[in-house]
Amino acid sequence: MSKSFQSIHRGPSDFDMGEYIGSLRCEALRLAAVERYFVLPVYGILGDGNCACGRACGAAGKHPHGLVRHGVRGASREAQAIRWWLKREPAINLAVATGPSSVVVLDVDPRNGGSEALSDLVSHVGPLPDTRTTLTGGGGQHYWFTVEPIAWRWDDSDSYRLEDSPEVPGGKMGPGLDIQAAGRYVVVPPSRHASGSHYRWLDPAAPAVPAPEWLLTGLRHAARSTFRRPSNEERLCIRGP
């Protein structure tokens, strides 16, 4: 990597905006060109820890930026689009749309019981495979897994529906334990969390490995109970203001 985005993961008092902007640009372009992920601009975090959207949104630094008109549907891996976003708003946060990127992410939120739910899961299925892992700014983890590319399209419920498959996008596996799959996205390094900390890769060189069968089974089970038309509040997070 020409510029190490790991170097900016320091506490709020050490935050260097110029270094952040440079690292963000390098990582956004790398994710799109090298990993072939579809990246998405999300609102950044202001110096006071509030969301740059200017509202009490409840998802500070995590919902799609107004730079894209259709929320997660505006994710792209085109360098021209990414450069335009960063020219207009250089201090955004960055996300990856999981569905078109052919990944699913096991999202652990310890503040809502995710660590305990993960421990319970591991006791039944065994240890998680070694795979690409994000340490979130809020103390959680994102475990990345690859899936076979699938046909997908948008329908009028503002979510991905998978073609020729009963499976639908992601869902919950337990308290604080979510599967982020088609129709969803995850915030990625070097984005800044409302706490002032930054998202970072546990090991920047680690690849994502194929999703284990138990995770795909959990995805199918979650899909049967979670596919529905989103509420107005959820639409805000999907589309952006």
C-alpha atoms as a PDB file:
ATOM      1  CA  MET A   1       0.000   0.000   0.000  1.00  0.00           C
ATOM      2  CA  SER A   2       1.423   3.385  -0.937  1.00  0.00           C
ATOM      3  CA  LYS A   3       0.112   4.979   2.242  1.00  0.00           C
ATOM      4  CA  SER A   4      -0.589   3.102   5.450  1.00  0.00           C
ATOM      5  CA  PHE A   5      -4.100   3.793   6.661  1.00  0.00           C
ATOM      6  CA  GLN A   6      -3.221   1.853   9.845  1.00  0.00           C
ATOM      7  CA  SER A   7      -1.176   4.853  10.963  1.00  0.00           C
ATOM      8  CA  ILE A   8      -4.219   7.039  11.538  1.00  0.00           C
ATOM      9  CA  HIS A   9      -5.981   4.796  14.045  1.00  0.00           C
ATOM     10  CA  ARG A  10      -5.264   6.933  17.042  1.00  0.00           C
ATOM     11  CA  GLY A  11      -7.365   8.610  19.698  1.00  0.00           C
ATOM     12  CA  PRO A  12      -9.453  11.744  19.044  1.00  0.00           C
ATOM     13  CA  SER A  13      -6.788  14.106  20.409  1.00  0.00           C
ATOM     14  CA  ASP A  14      -4.312  12.892  17.770  1.00  0.00           C
ATOM     15  CA  PHE A  15      -6.693  13.102  14.822  1.00  0.00           C
ATOM     16  CA  ASP A  16      -5.022  14.473  11.703  1.00  0.00           C
ATOM     17  CA  MET A  17      -7.588  15.421   9.065  1.00  0.00           C
ATOM     18  CA  GLY A  18      -5.049  15.720   6.253  1.00  0.00           C
ATOM     19  CA  GLU A  19      -3.683  12.258   6.946  1.00  0.00           C
ATOM     20  CA  TYR A  20      -7.210  10.854   7.183  1.00  0.00           C
ATOM     21  CA  ILE A  21      -8.221  12.282   3.805  1.00  0.00           C
ATOM     22  CA  GLY A  22      -5.130  10.853   2.115  1.00  0.00           C
ATOM     23  CA  SER A  23      -5.598   7.437   3.683  1.00  0.00           C
ATOM     24  CA  LEU A  24      -9.294   7.387   2.838  1.00  0.00           C
ATOM     25  CA  ARG A  25      -8.617   8.105  -0.825  1.00  0.00           C
ATOM     26  CA  CYS A  26      -5.992   5.367  -1.093  1.00  0.00           C
ATOM     27  CA  GLU A  27      -8.163   2.795   0.642  1.00  0.00           C
ATOM     28  CA  ALA A  28     -11.324   3.611  -1.332  1.00  0.00           C
ATOM     29  CA  LEU A  29      -9.503   3.177  -4.621  1.00  0.00           C
ATOM     30  CA  ARG A  30      -7.726   0.016  -3.417  1.00  0.00           C
ATOM     31  CA  LEU A  31     -10.958  -1.640  -2.284  1.00  0.00           C
ATOM     32  CA  ALA A  32     -12.549  -0.942  -5.658  1.00  0.00           C
ATOM     33  CA  ALA A  33      -9.601  -1.779  -7.928  1.00  0.00           C
ATOM     34  CA  VAL A  34      -7.863  -4.595  -6.042  1.00  0.00           C
ATOM     35  CA  GLU A  35     -10.602  -6.227  -3.966  1.00  0.00           C
ATOM     36  CA  ARG A  36     -13.282  -5.439  -6.580  1.00  0.00           C
ATOM     37  CA  TYR A  37     -15.663  -4.258  -3.860  1.00  0.00           C
ATOM     38  CA  PHE A  38     -18.474  -1.810  -4.502  1.00  0.00           C
ATOM     39  CA  VAL A  39     -17.747   1.140  -2.223  1.00  0.00           C
ATOM     40  CA  LEU A  40     -20.204   3.681  -0.894  1.00  0.00           C
ATOM     41  CA  PRO A  41     -19.756   7.146   0.640  1.00  0.00           C
ATOM     42  CA  VAL A  42     -21.375   7.521   4.060  1.00  0.00           C
ATOM     43  CA  TYR A  43     -21.540  10.615   6.236  1.00  0.00           C
ATOM     44  CA  GLY A  44     -18.456  11.326   8.295  1.00  0.00           C
ATOM     45  CA  ILE A  45     -18.092  12.373  11.920  1.00  0.00           C
ATOM     46  CA  LEU A  46     -17.682  15.986  13.029  1.00  0.00           C
ATOM     47  CA  GLY A  47     -15.180  17.067  15.639  1.00  0.00           C
ATOM     48  CA  ASP A  48     -17.860  16.969  18.334  1.00  0.00           C
ATOM     49  CA  GLY A  49     -18.700  13.346  17.536  1.00  0.00           C
ATOM     50  CA  ASN A  50     -21.964  14.132  15.757  1.00  0.00           C
ATOM     51  CA  CYS A  51     -22.892  12.987  12.275  1.00  0.00           C
ATOM     52  CA  ALA A  52     -21.946  15.286   9.404  1.00  0.00           C
ATOM     53  CA  CYS A  53     -25.501  14.960   8.045  1.00  0.00           C
ATOM     54  CA  GLY A  54     -26.448  17.654  10.575  1.00  0.00           C
ATOM     55  CA  ARG A  55     -29.371  15.761  12.062  1.00  0.00           C
ATOM     56  CA  ALA A  56     -29.964  13.592  15.099  1.00  0.00           C
ATOM     57  CA  CYS A  57     -30.021  10.600  12.774  1.00  0.00           C
ATOM     58  CA  GLY A  58     -29.272   7.803  15.221  1.00  0.00           C
ATOM     59  CA  ALA A  59     -26.688   6.355  12.828  1.00  0.00           C
ATOM     60  CA  ALA A  60     -23.808   8.819  13.115  1.00  0.00           C
ATOM     61  CA  GLY A  61     -21.141   8.194  10.510  1.00  0.00           C
ATOM     62  CA  LYS A  62     -22.936   5.148   9.161  1.00  0.00           C
ATOM     63  CA  HIS A  63     -25.645   6.133   6.691  1.00  0.00           C
ATOM     64  CA  PRO A  64     -25.344   6.860   2.968  1.00  0.00           C
ATOM     65  CA  HIS A  65     -24.160  10.309   1.994  1.00  0.00           C
ATOM     66  CA  GLY A  66     -26.259  12.638  -0.114  1.00  0.00           C
ATOM     67  CA  LEU A  67     -23.570  12.352  -2.782  1.00  0.00           C
ATOM     68  CA  VAL A  68     -25.424   9.230  -3.920  1.00  0.00           C
ATOM     69  CA  ARG A  69     -29.100   9.622  -4.689  1.00  0.00           C
ATOM     70  CA  HIS A  70     -30.213   6.078  -3.994  1.00  0.00           C
ATOM     71  CA  GLY A  71     -28.271   5.100  -0.909  1.00  0.00           C
ATOM     72  CA  VAL A  72     -26.607   1.710  -1.066  1.00  0.00           C
ATOM     73  CA  ARG A  73     -27.749   1.343  -4.675  1.00  0.00           C
ATOM     74  CA  GLY A  74     -25.240   4.088  -5.492  1.00  0.00           C
ATOM     75  CA  ALA A  75     -22.247   1.951  -4.512  1.00  0.00           C
ATOM     76  CA  SER A  76     -19.594   1.817  -7.217  1.00  0.00           C
ATOM     77  CA  ARG A  77     -16.163   0.468  -8.020  1.00  0.00           C
ATOM     78  CA  GLU A  78     -15.549   3.015 -10.757  1.00  0.00           C
ATOM     79  CA  ALA A  79     -12.494   5.117  -9.933  1.00  0.00           C
ATOM     80  CA  GLN A  80     -14.026   8.178 -11.592  1.00  0.00           C
ATOM     81  CA  ALA A  81     -17.063   8.089  -9.295  1.00  0.00           C
ATOM     82  CA  ILE A  82     -14.948   7.540  -6.200  1.00  0.00           C
ATOM     83  CA  ARG A  83     -12.638  10.426  -7.054  1.00  0.00           C
ATOM     84  CA  TRP A  84     -15.658  12.679  -7.625  1.00  0.00           C
ATOM     85  CA  TRP A  85     -17.098  11.812  -4.203  1.00  0.00           C
ATOM     86  CA  LEU A  86     -13.811  12.551  -2.500  1.00  0.00           C
ATOM     87  CA  LYS A  87     -13.312  15.775  -4.403  1.00  0.00           C
ATOM     88  CA  ARG A  88     -16.734  16.997  -3.303  1.00  0.00           C
ATOM     89  CA  GLU A  89     -16.546  15.684   0.282  1.00  0.00           C
ATOM     90  CA  PRO A  90     -13.003  14.593   1.151  1.00  0.00           C
ATOM     91  CA  ALA A  91     -13.755  13.753   4.828  1.00  0.00           C
ATOM     92  CA  ILE A  92     -16.573  11.254   4.312  1.00  0.00           C
ATOM     93  CA  ASN A  93     -16.654   7.805   5.841  1.00  0.00           C
ATOM     94  CA  LEU A  94     -16.467   4.765   3.606  1.00  0.00           C
ATOM     95  CA  ALA A  95     -18.578   1.611   3.333  1.00  0.00           C
ATOM     96  CA  VAL A  96     -18.732  -1.518   1.165  1.00  0.00           C
ATOM     97  CA  ALA A  97     -22.019  -2.789  -0.288  1.00  0.00           C
ATOM     98  CA  THR A  98     -21.921  -6.463   0.625  1.00  0.00           C
ATOM     99  CA  GLY A  99     -24.343  -7.925  -1.921  1.00  0.00           C
ATOM    100  CA  PRO A 100     -22.758  -6.915  -5.243  1.00  0.00           C
ATOM    101  CA  SER A 101     -19.297  -7.372  -3.686  1.00  0.00           C
ATOM    102  CA  SER A 102     -20.098 -11.100  -3.201  1.00  0.00           C
ATOM    103  CA  VAL A 103     -19.371 -11.034   0.521  1.00  0.00           C
ATOM    104  CA  VAL A 104     -21.356 -11.605   3.670  1.00  0.00           C
ATOM    105  CA  VAL A 105     -20.226 -10.064   6.942  1.00  0.00           C
ATOM    106  CA  LEU A 106     -20.897 -11.390  10.426  1.00  0.00           C
ATOM    107  CA  ASP A 107     -21.415  -8.198  12.436  1.00  0.00           C
ATOM    108  CA  VAL A 108     -20.738  -8.424  16.190  1.00  0.00           C
ATOM    109  CA  ASP A 109     -22.014  -5.534  18.345  1.00  0.00           C
ATOM    110  CA  PRO A 110     -20.878  -6.095  21.955  1.00  0.00           C
ATOM    111  CA  ARG A 111     -22.993  -3.202  23.231  1.00  0.00           C
ATOM    112  CA  ASN A 112     -26.109  -5.193  22.366  1.00  0.00           C
ATOM    113  CA  GLY A 113     -25.014  -8.638  23.512  1.00  0.00           C
ATOM    114  CA  GLY A 114     -23.085  -9.615  20.392  1.00  0.00           C
ATOM    115  CA  SER A 115     -20.049 -11.017  22.209  1.00  0.00           C
ATOM    116  CA  GLU A 116     -22.216 -13.370  24.257  1.00  0.00           C
ATOM    117  CA  ALA A 117     -24.241 -14.370  21.183  1.00  0.00           C
ATOM    118  CA  LEU A 118     -21.029 -15.091  19.269  1.00  0.00           C
ATOM    119  CA  SER A 119     -19.685 -17.222  22.138  1.00  0.00           C
ATOM    120  CA  ASP A 120     -22.919 -19.198  22.137  1.00  0.00           C
ATOM    121  CA  LEU A 121     -22.715 -19.631  18.362  1.00  0.00           C
ATOM    122  CA  VAL A 122     -19.103 -20.804  18.500  1.00  0.00           C
ATOM    123  CA  SER A 123     -20.012 -23.355  21.165  1.00  0.00           C
ATOM    124  CA  HIS A 124     -22.371 -24.958  18.637  1.00  0.00           C
ATOM    125  CA  VAL A 125     -20.523 -24.597  15.318  1.00  0.00           C
ATOM    126  CA  GLY A 126     -16.891 -24.442  16.428  1.00  0.00           C
ATOM    127  CA  PRO A 127     -14.329 -21.640  16.047  1.00  0.00           C
ATOM    128  CA  LEU A 128     -14.787 -19.055  13.336  1.00  0.00           C
ATOM    129  CA  PRO A 129     -12.537 -19.587  10.309  1.00  0.00           C
ATOM    130  CA  ASP A 130      -9.541 -17.256  10.088  1.00  0.00           C
ATOM    131  CA  THR A 131     -10.733 -14.557   7.739  1.00  0.00           C
ATOM    132  CA  ARG A 132     -10.579 -10.848   6.985  1.00  0.00           C
ATOM    133  CA  THR A 133     -11.704  -8.980  10.098  1.00  0.00           C
ATOM    134  CA  THR A 134     -12.550  -5.369  10.813  1.00  0.00           C
ATOM    135  CA  LEU A 135     -12.265  -3.932  14.305  1.00  0.00           C
ATOM    136  CA  THR A 136     -15.005  -1.315  14.483  1.00  0.00           C
ATOM    137  CA  GLY A 137     -14.622   2.022  16.192  1.00  0.00           C
ATOM    138  CA  GLY A 138     -17.289   0.998  18.712  1.00  0.00           C
ATOM    139  CA  GLY A 139     -15.496  -2.115  19.997  1.00  0.00           C
ATOM    140  CA  GLY A 140     -17.176  -4.642  17.699  1.00  0.00           C
ATOM    141  CA  GLN A 141     -15.939  -6.883  14.914  1.00  0.00           C
ATOM    142  CA  HIS A 142     -16.887  -7.571  11.313  1.00  0.00           C
ATOM    143  CA  TYR A 143     -15.950 -11.033  10.024  1.00  0.00           C
ATOM    144  CA  TRP A 144     -15.836 -11.118   6.203  1.00  0.00           C
ATOM    145  CA  PHE A 145     -16.672 -14.169   4.089  1.00  0.00           C
ATOM    146  CA  THR A 146     -16.943 -14.653   0.354  1.00  0.00           C
ATOM    147  CA  VAL A 147     -19.963 -16.138  -1.412  1.00  0.00           C
ATOM    148  CA  GLU A 148     -20.540 -17.195  -4.981  1.00  0.00           C
ATOM    149  CA  PRO A 149     -21.613 -14.290  -7.192  1.00  0.00           C
ATOM    150  CA  ILE A 150     -25.399 -14.208  -7.451  1.00  0.00           C
ATOM    151  CA  ALA A 151     -27.933 -12.505  -9.667  1.00  0.00           C
ATOM    152  CA  TRP A 152     -29.622  -9.686  -7.809  1.00  0.00           C
ATOM    153  CA  ARG A 153     -31.927  -6.817  -8.572  1.00  0.00           C
ATOM    154  CA  TRP A 154     -33.727  -4.069  -6.703  1.00  0.00           C
ATOM    155  CA  ASP A 155     -37.458  -4.213  -6.108  1.00  0.00           C
ATOM    156  CA  ASP A 156     -39.892  -1.615  -4.752  1.00  0.00           C
ATOM    157  CA  SER A 157     -39.208  -2.562  -1.137  1.00  0.00           C
ATOM    158  CA  ASP A 158     -35.815  -0.805  -1.343  1.00  0.00           C
ATOM    159  CA  SER A 159     -33.914  -4.000  -0.746  1.00  0.00           C
ATOM    160  CA  TYR A 160     -32.117  -6.564  -2.830  1.00  0.00           C
ATOM    161  CA  ARG A 161     -34.128  -9.604  -3.834  1.00  0.00           C
ATOM    162  CA  LEU A 162     -32.012 -12.463  -5.090  1.00  0.00           C
ATOM    163  CA  GLU A 163     -33.067 -13.819  -8.446  1.00  0.00           C
ATOM    164  CA  ASP A 164     -33.875 -17.540  -8.707  1.00  0.00           C
ATOM    165  CA  SER A 165     -33.393 -17.980  -4.973  1.00  0.00           C
ATOM    166  CA  PRO A 166     -35.633 -17.881  -1.892  1.00  0.00           C
ATOM    167  CA  GLU A 167     -32.789 -16.307   0.076  1.00  0.00           C
ATOM    168  CA  VAL A 168     -33.146 -12.655   0.991  1.00  0.00           C
ATOM    169  CA  PRO A 169     -30.713 -10.121   2.386  1.00  0.00           C
ATOM    170  CA  GLY A 170     -29.168 -10.831   5.761  1.00  0.00           C
ATOM    171  CA  GLY A 171     -30.772 -10.663   9.160  1.00  0.00           C
ATOM    172  CA  LYS A 172     -30.157 -11.423  12.821  1.00  0.00           C
ATOM    173  CA  MET A 173     -28.512 -14.516  14.233  1.00  0.00           C
ATOM    174  CA  GLY A 174     -28.915 -13.368  17.818  1.00  0.00           C
ATOM    175  CA  PRO A 175     -28.783 -10.279  20.057  1.00  0.00           C
ATOM    176  CA  GLY A 176     -26.118  -7.978  18.647  1.00  0.00           C
ATOM    177  CA  LEU A 177     -25.178 -10.576  16.020  1.00  0.00           C
ATOM    178  CA  ASP A 178     -26.215  -9.707  12.467  1.00  0.00           C
ATOM    179  CA  ILE A 179     -25.479 -11.009   8.986  1.00  0.00           C
ATOM    180  CA  GLN A 180     -24.871  -8.200   6.522  1.00  0.00           C
ATOM    181  CA  ALA A 181     -25.540  -9.563   3.055  1.00  0.00           C
ATOM    182  CA  ALA A 182     -27.399  -8.441  -0.075  1.00  0.00           C
ATOM    183  CA  GLY A 183     -29.044  -5.038   0.248  1.00  0.00           C
ATOM    184  CA  ARG A 184     -26.779  -4.032   3.109  1.00  0.00           C
ATOM    185  CA  TYR A 185     -23.373  -2.501   3.670  1.00  0.00           C
ATOM    186  CA  VAL A 186     -20.655  -2.242   6.300  1.00  0.00           C
ATOM    187  CA  VAL A 187     -18.465   0.707   7.246  1.00  0.00           C
ATOM    188  CA  VAL A 188     -14.797   0.020   6.559  1.00  0.00           C
ATOM    189  CA  PRO A 189     -11.359   1.406   7.515  1.00  0.00           C
ATOM    190  CA  PRO A 190     -10.175   4.047   7.869  1.00  0.00           C
ATOM    191  CA  SER A 191     -13.617   5.511   8.669  1.00  0.00           C
ATOM    192  CA  ARG A 192     -14.055   7.420  11.888  1.00  0.00           C
ATOM    193  CA  HIS A 193     -16.517   6.273  14.572  1.00  0.00           C
ATOM    194  CA  ALA A 194     -18.591   8.623  16.737  1.00  0.00           C
ATOM    195  CA  SER A 195     -16.330   7.635  19.648  1.00  0.00           C
ATOM    196  CA  GLY A 196     -13.403   9.284  17.861  1.00  0.00           C
ATOM    197  CA  SER A 197     -11.739   5.946  17.169  1.00  0.00           C
ATOM    198  CA  HIS A 198     -11.254   4.541  13.687  1.00  0.00           C
ATOM    199  CA  TYR A 199     -12.275   1.314  12.014  1.00  0.00           C
ATOM    200  CA  ARG A 200      -9.207  -0.783  11.215  1.00  0.00           C
ATOM    201  CA  TRP A 201      -8.305  -4.123   9.690  1.00  0.00           C
ATOM    202  CA  LEU A 202      -7.082  -6.681  12.201  1.00  0.00           C
ATOM    203  CA  ASP A 203      -4.634  -7.839   9.509  1.00  0.00           C
ATOM    204  CA  PRO A 204      -4.686  -5.745   6.315  1.00  0.00           C
ATOM    205  CA  ALA A 205      -3.201  -8.648   4.327  1.00  0.00           C
ATOM    206  CA  ALA A 206      -5.705 -11.286   5.462  1.00  0.00           C
ATOM    207  CA  PRO A 207      -8.087 -12.497   2.726  1.00  0.00           C
ATOM    208  CA  ALA A 208     -11.777 -13.195   3.172  1.00  0.00           C
ATOM    209  CA  VAL A 209     -12.420 -16.943   3.069  1.00  0.00           C
ATOM    210  CA  PRO A 210     -15.520 -18.753   1.737  1.00  0.00           C
ATOM    211  CA  ALA A 211     -18.567 -18.587   4.011  1.00  0.00           C
ATOM    212  CA  PRO A 212     -19.026 -21.738   6.100  1.00  0.00           C
ATOM    213  CA  GLU A 213     -22.219 -23.696   5.526  1.00  0.00           C
ATOM    214  CA  TRP A 214     -23.610 -22.826   8.973  1.00  0.00           C
ATOM    215  CA  LEU A 215     -23.430 -19.139   8.082  1.00  0.00           C
ATOM    216  CA  LEU A 216     -25.276 -19.685   4.803  1.00  0.00           C
ATOM    217  CA  THR A 217     -27.881 -21.721   6.681  1.00  0.00           C
ATOM    218  CA  GLY A 218     -28.237 -18.881   9.187  1.00  0.00           C
ATOM    219  CA  LEU A 219     -28.642 -16.443   6.316  1.00  0.00           C
ATOM    220  CA  ARG A 220     -31.464 -18.490   4.816  1.00  0.00           C
ATOM    221  CA  HIS A 221     -33.174 -18.805   8.192  1.00  0.00           C
ATOM    222  CA  ALA A 222     -32.852 -15.085   8.926  1.00  0.00           C
ATOM    223  CA  ALA A 223     -34.120 -14.210   5.468  1.00  0.00           C
ATOM    224  CA  ARG A 224     -37.396 -16.054   5.973  1.00  0.00           C
ATOM    225  CA  SER A 225     -38.280 -13.836   8.922  1.00  0.00           C
ATOM    226  CA  THR A 226     -36.729 -10.490   8.025  1.00  0.00           C
ATOM    227  CA  PHE A 227     -37.740  -9.655   4.453  1.00  0.00           C
ATOM    228  CA  ARG A 228     -40.291  -6.863   4.687  1.00  0.00           C
ATOM    229  CA  ARG A 229     -40.886  -3.334   3.529  1.00  0.00           C
ATOM    230  CA  PRO A 230     -38.640  -1.026   5.573  1.00  0.00           C
ATOM    231  CA  SER A 231     -40.027   1.606   7.924  1.00  0.00           C
ATOM    232  CA  ASN A 232     -39.630   5.328   7.198  1.00  0.00           C
ATOM    233  CA  GLU A 233     -36.674   5.470   9.602  1.00  0.00           C
ATOM    234  CA  GLU A 234     -35.022   2.525   7.862  1.00  0.00           C
ATOM    235  CA  ARG A 235     -35.601   4.157   4.484  1.00  0.00           C
ATOM    236  CA  LEU A 236     -33.567   7.148   5.678  1.00  0.00           C
ATOM    237  CA  CYS A 237     -30.638   4.854   6.453  1.00  0.00           C
ATOM    238  CA  ILE A 238     -31.006   3.031   3.119  1.00  0.00           C
ATOM    239  CA  ARG A 239     -31.443   6.068   0.916  1.00  0.00           C
ATOM    240  CA  GLY A 240     -29.823   8.857   2.874  1.00  0.00           C
ATOM    241  CA  PRO A 241     -31.557  12.199   3.388  1.00  0.00           C
END
